[in-house]
C-alpha atoms as a PDB file:
ATOM      1  CA  MET A   1     -32.157 -90.630 -54.600  1.00  0.00           C
ATOM      2  CA  ASN A   2     -35.121 -88.420 -55.325  1.00  0.00           C
ATOM      3  CA  THR A   3     -34.319 -85.335 -52.982  1.00  0.00           C
ATOM      4  CA  GLY A   4     -35.066 -81.403 -53.780  1.00  0.00           C
ATOM      5  CA  VAL A   5     -33.078 -79.229 -52.936  1.00  0.00           C
ATOM      6  CA  ARG A   6     -34.685 -74.785 -51.904  1.00  0.00           C
ATOM      7  CA  LYS A   7     -31.473 -72.024 -51.266  1.00  0.00           C
ATOM      8  CA  LEU A   8     -33.203 -68.755 -49.252  1.00  0.00           C
ATOM      9  CA  LEU A   9     -30.978 -66.275 -47.168  1.00  0.00           C
ATOM     10  CA  HIS A  10     -30.861 -66.726 -43.688  1.00  0.00           C
ATOM     11  CA  SER A  11     -29.752 -63.471 -41.675  1.00  0.00           C
ATOM     12  CA  CYS A  12     -27.164 -64.155 -39.125  1.00  0.00           C
ATOM     13  CA  MET A  13     -27.033 -60.816 -37.362  1.00  0.00           C
ATOM     14  CA  ALA A  14     -27.874 -62.419 -34.410  1.00  0.00           C
ATOM     15  CA  LEU A  15     -26.587 -65.930 -34.689  1.00  0.00           C
ATOM     16  CA  LEU A  16     -23.293 -65.121 -32.527  1.00  0.00           C
ATOM     17  CA  LEU A  17     -24.031 -69.140 -31.340  1.00  0.00           C
ATOM     18  CA  ALA A  18     -23.730 -70.250 -35.163  1.00  0.00           C
ATOM     19  CA  ILE A  19     -26.793 -73.626 -35.519  1.00  0.00           C
ATOM     20  CA  GLY A  20     -25.578 -76.336 -37.326  1.00  0.00           C
ATOM     21  CA  PHE A  21     -27.085 -78.467 -38.677  1.00  0.00           C
ATOM     22  CA  SER A  22     -30.866 -79.733 -37.889  1.00  0.00           C
ATOM     23  CA  LEU A  23     -32.573 -82.764 -39.305  1.00  0.00           C
ATOM     24  CA  ALA A  24     -36.337 -83.898 -39.112  1.00  0.00           C
ATOM     25  CA  ALA A  25     -36.900 -87.798 -40.802  1.00  0.00           C
ATOM     26  CA  SER A  26     -41.138 -89.167 -40.344  1.00  0.00           C
ATOM     27  CA  PRO A  27     -43.198 -91.701 -40.110  1.00  0.00           C
ATOM     28  CA  SER A  28     -44.093 -89.938 -37.330  1.00  0.00           C
ATOM     29  CA  ALA A  29     -42.727 -91.080 -34.041  1.00  0.00           C
ATOM     30  CA  GLN A  30     -45.544 -92.271 -31.158  1.00  0.00           C
ATOM     31  CA  ALA A  31     -42.609 -91.697 -28.124  1.00  0.00           C
ATOM     32  CA  ALA A  32     -39.304 -90.604 -27.347  1.00  0.00           C
ATOM     33  CA  ASP A  33     -38.293 -93.925 -27.569  1.00  0.00           C
ATOM     34  CA  ASP A  34     -39.207 -94.165 -31.295  1.00  0.00           C
ATOM     35  CA  CYS A  35     -35.960 -91.914 -32.389  1.00  0.00           C
ATOM     36  CA  LEU A  36     -33.280 -92.710 -33.202  1.00  0.00           C
ATOM     37  CA  PRO A  37     -29.688 -92.547 -30.350  1.00  0.00           C
ATOM     38  CA  GLY A  38     -28.673 -88.591 -30.236  1.00  0.00           C
ATOM     39  CA  PHE A  39     -32.132 -87.558 -31.655  1.00  0.00           C
ATOM     40  CA  THR A  40     -35.335 -85.544 -29.479  1.00  0.00           C
ATOM     41  CA  LEU A  41     -38.929 -85.956 -29.662  1.00  0.00           C
ATOM     42  CA  ASN A  42     -40.384 -82.881 -31.185  1.00  0.00           C
ATOM     43  CA  GLY A  43     -43.909 -83.145 -31.072  1.00  0.00           C
ATOM     44  CA  GLU A  44     -43.926 -85.910 -33.304  1.00  0.00           C
ATOM     45  CA  ILE A  45     -40.792 -85.375 -35.254  1.00  0.00           C
ATOM     46  CA  CYS A  46     -37.071 -86.935 -34.758  1.00  0.00           C
ATOM     47  CA  GLU A  47     -35.006 -83.794 -34.438  1.00  0.00           C
ATOM     48  CA  ARG A  48     -31.021 -83.886 -34.119  1.00  0.00           C
ATOM     49  CA  THR A  49     -28.880 -79.894 -34.079  1.00  0.00           C
ATOM     50  CA  TYR A  50     -25.372 -80.407 -35.269  1.00  0.00           C
ATOM     51  CA  THR A  51     -22.647 -77.458 -34.874  1.00  0.00           C
ATOM     52  CA  PHE A  52     -19.333 -77.038 -34.411  1.00  0.00           C
ATOM     53  CA  ALA A  53     -18.669 -77.860 -31.409  1.00  0.00           C
ATOM     54  CA  ASP A  54     -19.816 -81.596 -32.450  1.00  0.00           C
ATOM     55  CA  GLY A  55     -17.017 -82.042 -34.822  1.00  0.00           C
ATOM     56  CA  VAL A  56     -17.437 -84.043 -37.996  1.00  0.00           C
ATOM     57  CA  GLN A  57     -20.156 -86.147 -37.801  1.00  0.00           C
ATOM     58  CA  SER A  58     -21.836 -89.039 -39.394  1.00  0.00           C
ATOM     59  CA  LEU A  59     -25.005 -91.047 -39.910  1.00  0.00           C
ATOM     60  CA  LYS A  60     -25.953 -94.197 -41.963  1.00  0.00           C
ATOM     61  CA  VAL A  61     -29.632 -94.336 -42.456  1.00  0.00           C
ATOM     62  CA  PRO A  62     -31.265 -97.343 -41.277  1.00  0.00           C
ATOM     63  CA  ASP A  63     -33.831 -98.546 -44.116  1.00  0.00           C
ATOM     64  CA  GLY A  64     -36.573 -97.659 -44.254  1.00  0.00           C
ATOM     65  CA  LEU A  65     -36.378 -94.438 -42.250  1.00  0.00           C
ATOM     66  CA  GLY A  66     -38.260 -92.003 -44.119  1.00  0.00           C
ATOM     67  CA  LEU A  67     -38.926 -88.750 -45.392  1.00  0.00           C
ATOM     68  CA  LEU A  68     -35.686 -86.773 -44.119  1.00  0.00           C
ATOM     69  CA  GLN A  69     -35.295 -83.053 -44.171  1.00  0.00           C
ATOM     70  CA  PHE A  70     -32.472 -81.069 -43.659  1.00  0.00           C
ATOM     71  CA  GLU A  71     -31.954 -77.532 -42.706  1.00  0.00           C
ATOM     72  CA  VAL A  72     -28.240 -76.136 -43.437  1.00  0.00           C
ATOM     73  CA  PHE A  73     -27.122 -73.186 -42.346  1.00  0.00           C
ATOM     74  CA  GLY A  74     -23.911 -70.915 -43.287  1.00  0.00           C
ATOM     75  CA  ALA A  75     -21.932 -69.312 -39.994  1.00  0.00           C
ATOM     76  CA  ALA A  76     -22.006 -66.035 -38.771  1.00  0.00           C
ATOM     77  CA  GLY A  77     -19.598 -63.564 -39.622  1.00  0.00           C
ATOM     78  CA  GLY A  78     -17.586 -61.585 -36.709  1.00  0.00           C
ATOM     79  CA  ALA A  79     -18.615 -58.145 -35.762  1.00  0.00           C
ATOM     80  CA  GLY A  80     -16.216 -54.781 -37.250  1.00  0.00           C
ATOM     81  CA  GLY A  81     -14.179 -53.404 -34.523  1.00  0.00           C
ATOM     82  CA  LEU A  82     -14.938 -49.488 -32.523  1.00  0.00           C
ATOM     83  CA  ASP A  83     -12.773 -46.483 -32.601  1.00  0.00           C
ATOM     84  CA  GLY A  84     -13.980 -44.219 -30.061  1.00  0.00           C
ATOM     85  CA  ALA A  85     -17.239 -43.687 -28.297  1.00  0.00           C
ATOM     86  CA  SER A  86     -19.077 -42.171 -31.524  1.00  0.00           C
ATOM     87  CA  CYS A  87     -19.295 -45.588 -33.419  1.00  0.00           C
ATOM     88  CA  GLN A  88     -21.793 -47.867 -34.067  1.00  0.00           C
ATOM     89  CA  ARG A  89     -20.802 -51.264 -34.053  1.00  0.00           C
ATOM     90  CA  SER A  90     -21.453 -52.694 -37.763  1.00  0.00           C
ATOM     91  CA  TYR A  91     -22.388 -56.381 -38.016  1.00  0.00           C
ATOM     92  CA  GLY A  92     -22.213 -59.569 -40.173  1.00  0.00           C
ATOM     93  CA  GLY A  93     -25.064 -59.445 -43.030  1.00  0.00           C
ATOM     94  CA  GLU A  94     -27.113 -62.607 -44.161  1.00  0.00           C
ATOM     95  CA  ALA A  95     -25.856 -66.094 -44.690  1.00  0.00           C
ATOM     96  CA  GLY A  96     -26.428 -69.569 -46.573  1.00  0.00           C
ATOM     97  CA  TYR A  97     -29.077 -71.627 -46.704  1.00  0.00           C
ATOM     98  CA  LEU A  98     -30.066 -74.389 -47.607  1.00  0.00           C
ATOM     99  CA  PHE A  99     -33.529 -76.667 -47.511  1.00  0.00           C
ATOM    100  CA  VAL A 100     -32.868 -80.959 -48.390  1.00  0.00           C
ATOM    101  CA  GLU A 101     -35.452 -83.391 -48.666  1.00  0.00           C
ATOM    102  CA  SER A 102     -35.401 -86.447 -49.045  1.00  0.00           C
ATOM    103  CA  GLU A 103     -38.326 -89.277 -49.413  1.00  0.00           C
ATOM    104  CA  ASP A 104     -35.205 -92.405 -49.200  1.00  0.00           C
ATOM    105  CA  LEU A 105     -32.237 -92.294 -48.156  1.00  0.00           C
ATOM    106  CA  SER A 106     -32.047 -95.576 -47.290  1.00  0.00           C
ATOM    107  CA  GLY A 107     -28.590 -96.689 -46.763  1.00  0.00           C
ATOM    108  CA  GLU A 108     -27.056 -93.473 -47.844  1.00  0.00           C
ATOM    109  CA  THR A 109     -24.190 -92.181 -44.845  1.00  0.00           C
ATOM    110  CA  LEU A 110     -24.280 -88.945 -43.930  1.00  0.00           C
ATOM    111  CA  THR A 111     -21.879 -85.954 -42.885  1.00  0.00           C
ATOM    112  CA  PHE A 112     -21.768 -83.145 -41.396  1.00  0.00           C
ATOM    113  CA  TYR A 113     -19.483 -80.673 -41.177  1.00  0.00           C
ATOM    114  CA  PRO A 114     -21.072 -77.111 -39.822  1.00  0.00           C
ATOM    115  CA  GLY A 115     -18.236 -74.083 -40.172  1.00  0.00           C
ATOM    116  CA  ALA A 116     -17.753 -71.778 -37.331  1.00  0.00           C
ATOM    117  CA  LYS A 117     -18.425 -67.892 -36.857  1.00  0.00           C
ATOM    118  CA  GLY A 118     -16.086 -66.012 -38.126  1.00  0.00           C
ATOM    119  CA  ASN A 119     -14.260 -63.646 -35.078  1.00  0.00           C
ATOM    120  CA  ASP A 120     -14.296 -59.561 -34.489  1.00  0.00           C
ATOM    121  CA  GLY A 121     -12.481 -57.247 -35.243  1.00  0.00           C
ATOM    122  CA  ALA A 122      -9.963 -55.388 -32.777  1.00  0.00           C
ATOM    123  CA  SER A 123     -10.670 -52.326 -32.131  1.00  0.00           C
ATOM    124  CA  GLY A 124      -8.406 -49.540 -31.632  1.00  0.00           C
ATOM    125  CA  ALA A 125      -6.429 -51.177 -34.278  1.00  0.00           C
ATOM    126  CA  ASN A 126      -3.422 -49.319 -36.399  1.00  0.00           C
ATOM    127  CA  ASN A 127      -2.136 -51.577 -38.999  1.00  0.00           C
ATOM    128  CA  SER A 128      -3.775 -54.658 -37.999  1.00  0.00           C
ATOM    129  CA  GLY A 129      -6.998 -55.845 -36.207  1.00  0.00           C
ATOM    130  CA  GLY A 130      -8.578 -57.480 -38.614  1.00  0.00           C
ATOM    131  CA  GLY A 131     -11.019 -60.793 -37.210  1.00  0.00           C
ATOM    132  CA  LEU A 132      -9.863 -64.225 -38.215  1.00  0.00           C
ATOM    133  CA  GLY A 133     -12.755 -65.956 -40.372  1.00  0.00           C
ATOM    134  CA  GLY A 134     -14.442 -68.873 -39.302  1.00  0.00           C
ATOM    135  CA  GLN A 135     -12.860 -72.407 -40.181  1.00  0.00           C
ATOM    136  CA  SER A 136     -14.040 -75.351 -41.826  1.00  0.00           C
ATOM    137  CA  LEU A 137     -13.892 -78.988 -40.260  1.00  0.00           C
ATOM    138  CA  ILE A 138     -13.398 -79.449 -44.377  1.00  0.00           C
ATOM    139  CA  SER A 139      -8.773 -79.053 -44.238  1.00  0.00           C
ATOM    140  CA  GLY A 140      -8.030 -76.410 -46.959  1.00  0.00           C
ATOM    141  CA  GLN A 141     -11.457 -75.201 -48.173  1.00  0.00           C
ATOM    142  CA  TYR A 142     -14.928 -73.554 -47.058  1.00  0.00           C
ATOM    143  CA  SER A 143     -13.262 -71.393 -44.439  1.00  0.00           C
ATOM    144  CA  GLY A 144     -14.315 -67.345 -43.785  1.00  0.00           C
ATOM    145  CA  GLY A 145     -11.564 -64.593 -45.274  1.00  0.00           C
ATOM    146  CA  ARG A 146     -10.158 -62.777 -42.750  1.00  0.00           C
ATOM    147  CA  GLY A 147     -11.091 -59.603 -42.155  1.00  0.00           C
ATOM    148  CA  GLY A 148      -9.394 -56.238 -43.500  1.00  0.00           C
ATOM    149  CA  ASN A 149      -6.622 -54.690 -40.985  1.00  0.00           C
ATOM    150  CA  ALA A 150      -7.578 -50.935 -40.011  1.00  0.00           C
ATOM    151  CA  GLY A 151      -5.339 -48.349 -41.722  1.00  0.00           C
ATOM    152  CA  SER A 152      -1.964 -46.909 -41.070  1.00  0.00           C
ATOM    153  CA  VAL A 153      -2.537 -43.700 -39.770  1.00  0.00           C
ATOM    154  CA  GLY A 154      -4.416 -43.159 -36.688  1.00  0.00           C
ATOM    155  CA  SER A 155      -6.569 -46.170 -34.905  1.00  0.00           C
ATOM    156  CA  SER A 156      -9.978 -47.283 -36.416  1.00  0.00           C
ATOM    157  CA  GLY A 157     -11.489 -51.028 -35.866  1.00  0.00           C
ATOM    158  CA  GLY A 158     -10.298 -53.787 -37.840  1.00  0.00           C
ATOM    159  CA  GLY A 159     -13.476 -55.723 -40.004  1.00  0.00           C
ATOM    160  CA  GLY A 160     -14.785 -58.830 -38.765  1.00  0.00           C
ATOM    161  CA  GLY A 161     -14.066 -62.263 -40.356  1.00  0.00           C
ATOM    162  CA  GLY A 162     -16.329 -63.716 -42.428  1.00  0.00           C
ATOM    163  CA  GLY A 163     -18.263 -67.307 -41.160  1.00  0.00           C
ATOM    164  CA  ALA A 164     -17.110 -70.454 -42.426  1.00  0.00           C
ATOM    165  CA  ALA A 165     -19.321 -73.163 -45.031  1.00  0.00           C
ATOM    166  CA  THR A 166     -21.617 -75.164 -43.668  1.00  0.00           C
ATOM    167  CA  VAL A 167     -21.427 -78.736 -45.805  1.00  0.00           C
ATOM    168  CA  LEU A 168     -23.682 -81.646 -45.703  1.00  0.00           C
ATOM    169  CA  GLU A 169     -22.352 -84.800 -47.564  1.00  0.00           C
ATOM    170  CA  ILE A 170     -25.127 -87.846 -49.109  1.00  0.00           C
ATOM    171  CA  GLY A 171     -23.272 -90.391 -50.220  1.00  0.00           C
ATOM    172  CA  THR A 172     -21.080 -88.657 -52.463  1.00  0.00           C
ATOM    173  CA  GLU A 173     -23.369 -85.689 -52.963  1.00  0.00           C
ATOM    174  CA  ARG A 174     -22.062 -82.320 -51.031  1.00  0.00           C
ATOM    175  CA  TYR A 175     -24.587 -79.523 -50.722  1.00  0.00           C
ATOM    176  CA  VAL A 176     -22.421 -75.985 -48.848  1.00  0.00           C
ATOM    177  CA  ALA A 177     -24.253 -73.252 -47.766  1.00  0.00           C
ATOM    178  CA  ALA A 178     -22.107 -70.403 -47.604  1.00  0.00           C
ATOM    179  CA  GLY A 179     -21.422 -68.175 -44.718  1.00  0.00           C
ATOM    180  CA  ALA A 180     -21.894 -64.829 -43.977  1.00  0.00           C
ATOM    181  CA  GLY A 181     -20.154 -61.690 -44.840  1.00  0.00           C
ATOM    182  CA  ALA A 182     -18.766 -59.755 -41.345  1.00  0.00           C
ATOM    183  CA  GLY A 183     -19.317 -56.218 -40.544  1.00  0.00           C
ATOM    184  CA  GLY A 184     -16.390 -53.663 -40.975  1.00  0.00           C
ATOM    185  CA  GLY A 185     -14.907 -51.713 -39.176  1.00  0.00           C
ATOM    186  CA  CYS A 186     -15.700 -48.195 -37.362  1.00  0.00           C
ATOM    187  CA  ALA A 187     -13.148 -45.102 -38.263  1.00  0.00           C
ATOM    188  CA  ASN A 188     -14.147 -41.676 -36.404  1.00  0.00           C
ATOM    189  CA  SER A 189     -12.173 -39.872 -39.746  1.00  0.00           C
ATOM    190  CA  ALA A 190     -11.014 -40.065 -42.280  1.00  0.00           C
ATOM    191  CA  ASN A 191      -8.183 -41.495 -42.968  1.00  0.00           C
ATOM    192  CA  GLY A 192      -7.586 -42.029 -46.747  1.00  0.00           C
ATOM    193  CA  SER A 193      -7.188 -46.022 -47.021  1.00  0.00           C
ATOM    194  CA  THR A 194      -8.737 -47.675 -49.825  1.00  0.00           C
ATOM    195  CA  ALA A 195     -11.413 -49.830 -50.696  1.00  0.00           C
ATOM    196  CA  GLY A 196     -11.822 -53.633 -49.811  1.00  0.00           C
ATOM    197  CA  THR A 197     -11.625 -56.481 -52.483  1.00  0.00           C
ATOM    198  CA  THR A 198     -12.989 -59.421 -53.314  1.00  0.00           C
ATOM    199  CA  ALA A 199     -11.395 -63.204 -54.828  1.00  0.00           C
ATOM    200  CA  ASP A 200     -12.578 -66.098 -56.334  1.00  0.00           C
ATOM    201  CA  SER A 201     -11.033 -67.757 -53.417  1.00  0.00           C
ATOM    202  CA  TYR A 202     -10.110 -67.294 -49.806  1.00  0.00           C
ATOM    203  CA  THR A 203      -8.551 -68.750 -47.114  1.00  0.00           C
ATOM    204  CA  SER A 204      -8.333 -68.430 -43.401  1.00  0.00           C
ATOM    205  CA  ASN A 205      -5.167 -66.221 -43.636  1.00  0.00           C
ATOM    206  CA  THR A 206      -6.378 -64.615 -46.618  1.00  0.00           C
ATOM    207  CA  ASN A 207      -7.130 -60.882 -45.386  1.00  0.00           C
ATOM    208  CA  GLY A 208      -9.696 -58.326 -46.985  1.00  0.00           C
ATOM    209  CA  GLY A 209      -8.626 -55.201 -48.348  1.00  0.00           C
ATOM    210  CA  VAL A 210      -8.209 -52.446 -45.836  1.00  0.00           C
ATOM    211  CA  GLY A 211     -10.885 -50.366 -45.156  1.00  0.00           C
ATOM    212  CA  LEU A 212     -12.665 -47.120 -47.038  1.00  0.00           C
ATOM    213  CA  SER A 213     -13.582 -44.398 -45.141  1.00  0.00           C
ATOM    214  CA  THR A 214     -14.733 -41.329 -44.450  1.00  0.00           C
ATOM    215  CA  SER A 215     -15.674 -38.641 -41.783  1.00  0.00           C
ATOM    216  CA  GLY A 216     -17.881 -40.525 -39.813  1.00  0.00           C
ATOM    217  CA  SER A 217     -18.663 -44.272 -38.961  1.00  0.00           C
ATOM    218  CA  HIS A 218     -18.498 -46.264 -42.307  1.00  0.00           C
ATOM    219  CA  SER A 219     -19.051 -49.812 -42.317  1.00  0.00           C
ATOM    220  CA  LEU A 220     -17.534 -52.238 -45.385  1.00  0.00           C
ATOM    221  CA  MET A 221     -18.484 -56.282 -45.937  1.00  0.00           C
ATOM    222  CA  ALA A 222     -15.744 -58.665 -45.347  1.00  0.00           C
ATOM    223  CA  VAL A 223     -16.191 -62.248 -46.715  1.00  0.00           C
ATOM    224  CA  ALA A 224     -17.545 -65.562 -45.565  1.00  0.00           C
ATOM    225  CA  ALA A 225     -18.517 -68.899 -44.378  1.00  0.00           C
ATOM    226  CA  ALA A 226     -21.097 -71.427 -42.839  1.00  0.00           C
ATOM    227  CA  VAL A 227     -23.346 -74.212 -40.393  1.00  0.00           C
ATOM    228  CA  ALA A 228     -26.338 -76.902 -40.573  1.00  0.00           C
ATOM    229  CA  ALA A 229     -28.956 -78.797 -39.291  1.00  0.00           C
ATOM    230  CA  VAL A 230     -31.406 -82.828 -39.547  1.00  0.00           C
ATOM    231  CA  GLU A 231     -35.316 -83.737 -38.692  1.00  0.00           C
ATOM    232  CA  TYR A 232     -37.352 -87.224 -39.533  1.00  0.00           C
END
């Protein structure tokens, strides 16, 4: 199998509806009837996009379908919570992006696991408020980390939850696009909390560290996750 992969970064700040897998294939289609069921003709390309709401999807590639191209997007992170009118909303960072291309996948089974967006952090929280991480469709793997709680002094915004990773499987090979980090919570005053930390492994129930704030608003990134797409 001759498969090429490019690794890029894709900003998910505006991806509140995270785009999943996009698949395109060739040879060029001349009419909608030339596309596989579920695919849409766009110009001369048959396309289909998978999102978290579609659940796990699979496709067995017919013989002779030709060139297939996959775009795999990591899920967006949640926004941080607020503490008063002077706070500015902090959104998630950049999610992972993969472009996978193969000239012939005849007979291979493709499986798509789009990740879910992380939840926003709560506003006006005290010793709580971290948003839940986005859910992965692969049990026990690739979910986004939970956002850090607000400190125990006064009130402030909780950190957003990280996005889940999106996974593409081509036969026995697995491709993973990391999800975006989430936005940190905002506080209007110093509360003496400590900086968040990172770890090699997170689950959807793992909280980020308590946010660090000084006078005025301050943002920290939480941990993340992902999503994807297909063309032929």
